[in-house]
Every structure is written in C-alpha cells, then in structure tokens.
Amino acid sequence: MNASVVQLNSPITMGGWFAPFTNRQYCAWFYWIMVITGLSLVLHVGSALFKILSSGKLYALQTPIFWTVLVMNLAGYIANRLLYTMCLNSV
C-alpha cells in the first residue's frame, strides 16, 4: 500500500499531473498571458480611438463586436493578473 502512495507522489507517474506546482517558474505562464492580453487590450482601444479621430464619428463605439472584444480582453487581463498574483503568493 505504501508503494502506491509513493508512486502517486512521484512527478514521473500520473499523480504528478494533478499535484500542485512547487516552483515559481510556472507562474511565468500567467505573466506572459497577462502581458499578451494587456497588449491586445491597448491595441484594441487604440485602434478604436484611431477610427474615431480619423473619421470624426463614434461608429467604432456603436458596434457590438467592439464591446464584446473589449470585455473579453479586459476579463482575460484581470483573470490572468489575479492568477499570476495567486501563483506568486502560493509558492
């Protein structure tokens, strides 16, 4: 019985897939996804401002796709920032 418990705790066996990470290097995944979603958010808002300033109309803000992409980028950024902070504080 003890042999099976030892195998589950080994990172080589399947138990390692479900075990928590024990190193901060894995937090970098959340950091880079946070950076990518943050840049995407800035580019999205910047392109909308460019359309508004170049045409003089608020058409870019009236489309549902603008608000959908804005909310998705904002939610992705906030979620990954929260996960990155939680990862750093837990390890």
Protein backbone atom coordinates (compact mmCIF):
# COMPACT_ATOMS: atom_id res chain seq x y z
CA MET A 1 0.00 0.00 0.00
CA ASN A 2 2.84 2.42 0.75
CA ALA A 3 4.38 1.75 -2.66
CA SER A 4 1.27 3.02 -4.43
CA VAL A 5 1.27 6.20 -2.33
CA VAL A 6 4.92 6.82 -3.18
CA GLN A 7 4.19 6.32 -6.89
CA LEU A 8 1.35 8.83 -6.80
CA ASN A 9 3.63 11.45 -5.26
CA SER A 10 6.33 10.89 -7.86
CA PRO A 11 6.35 13.53 -10.63
CA ILE A 12 7.03 10.82 -13.20
CA THR A 13 3.76 8.98 -12.61
CA MET A 14 0.22 10.19 -13.23
CA GLY A 15 -0.07 11.67 -9.72
CA GLY A 16 2.43 14.33 -10.72
CA TRP A 17 -0.02 15.69 -13.28
CA PHE A 18 -2.50 16.56 -10.56
CA ALA A 19 -0.02 17.69 -7.93
CA PRO A 20 0.49 21.43 -7.36
CA PHE A 21 3.49 23.14 -8.89
CA THR A 22 6.35 23.63 -6.47
CA ASN A 23 8.40 26.18 -8.36
CA ARG A 24 7.76 29.82 -9.29
CA GLN A 25 8.90 29.32 -12.86
CA TYR A 26 5.41 28.06 -13.70
CA CYS A 27 3.98 31.45 -12.72
CA ALA A 28 5.62 32.86 -15.84
CA TRP A 29 2.84 31.32 -17.94
CA PHE A 30 0.27 33.55 -16.25
CA TYR A 31 2.59 36.54 -16.57
CA TRP A 32 3.08 36.17 -20.33
CA ILE A 33 -0.62 35.55 -20.97
CA MET A 34 -1.35 38.66 -18.87
CA VAL A 35 1.12 40.69 -20.96
CA ILE A 36 -0.39 39.43 -24.23
CA THR A 37 -3.96 40.20 -23.17
CA GLY A 38 -2.87 43.61 -21.84
CA LEU A 39 -1.24 44.48 -25.16
CA SER A 40 -4.30 43.24 -27.01
CA LEU A 41 -6.49 45.46 -24.85
CA VAL A 42 -4.30 48.51 -25.51
CA LEU A 43 -4.21 47.82 -29.27
CA HIS A 44 -7.98 47.37 -29.39
CA VAL A 45 -8.70 50.65 -27.61
CA GLY A 46 -6.00 52.39 -29.68
CA SER A 47 -7.49 51.20 -32.96
CA ALA A 48 -10.95 52.37 -31.86
CA LEU A 49 -9.56 55.80 -30.95
CA PHE A 50 -7.77 55.96 -34.30
CA LYS A 51 -11.03 55.20 -36.15
CA ILE A 52 -12.87 57.84 -34.14
CA LEU A 53 -10.22 60.51 -34.66
CA SER A 54 -9.71 59.79 -38.36
CA SER A 55 -13.39 59.73 -39.30
CA GLY A 56 -14.81 62.04 -36.63
CA LYS A 57 -17.69 59.64 -35.96
CA LEU A 58 -18.37 57.39 -32.99
CA TYR A 59 -19.18 54.42 -35.22
CA ALA A 60 -16.41 52.31 -33.65
CA LEU A 61 -18.13 52.51 -30.25
CA GLN A 62 -21.58 51.63 -31.57
CA THR A 63 -20.79 48.16 -32.87
CA PRO A 64 -21.46 45.19 -30.58
CA ILE A 65 -18.23 43.49 -31.66
CA PHE A 66 -16.23 46.40 -30.21
CA TRP A 67 -17.79 45.95 -26.78
CA THR A 68 -17.56 42.16 -26.95
CA VAL A 69 -13.83 42.19 -27.74
CA LEU A 70 -13.23 44.93 -25.17
CA VAL A 71 -14.95 42.95 -22.40
CA MET A 72 -13.16 39.73 -23.40
CA ASN A 73 -9.73 41.42 -23.39
CA LEU A 74 -10.43 43.15 -20.09
CA ALA A 75 -11.69 39.93 -18.45
CA GLY A 76 -8.70 37.99 -19.76
CA TYR A 77 -6.28 40.57 -18.42
CA ILE A 78 -7.90 40.74 -14.99
CA ALA A 79 -8.20 36.96 -14.67
CA ASN A 80 -4.58 36.32 -15.62
CA ARG A 81 -3.35 39.11 -13.36
CA LEU A 82 -5.26 37.52 -10.50
CA LEU A 83 -3.91 34.05 -11.31
CA TYR A 84 -0.35 35.38 -11.55
CA THR A 85 -0.65 37.09 -8.17
CA MET A 86 -2.16 33.98 -6.60
CA CYS A 87 0.60 31.83 -8.09
CA LEU A 88 3.36 34.04 -6.72
CA ASN A 89 1.83 34.19 -3.25
CA SER A 90 1.15 30.46 -3.03
CA VAL A 91 4.61 29.13 -3.86
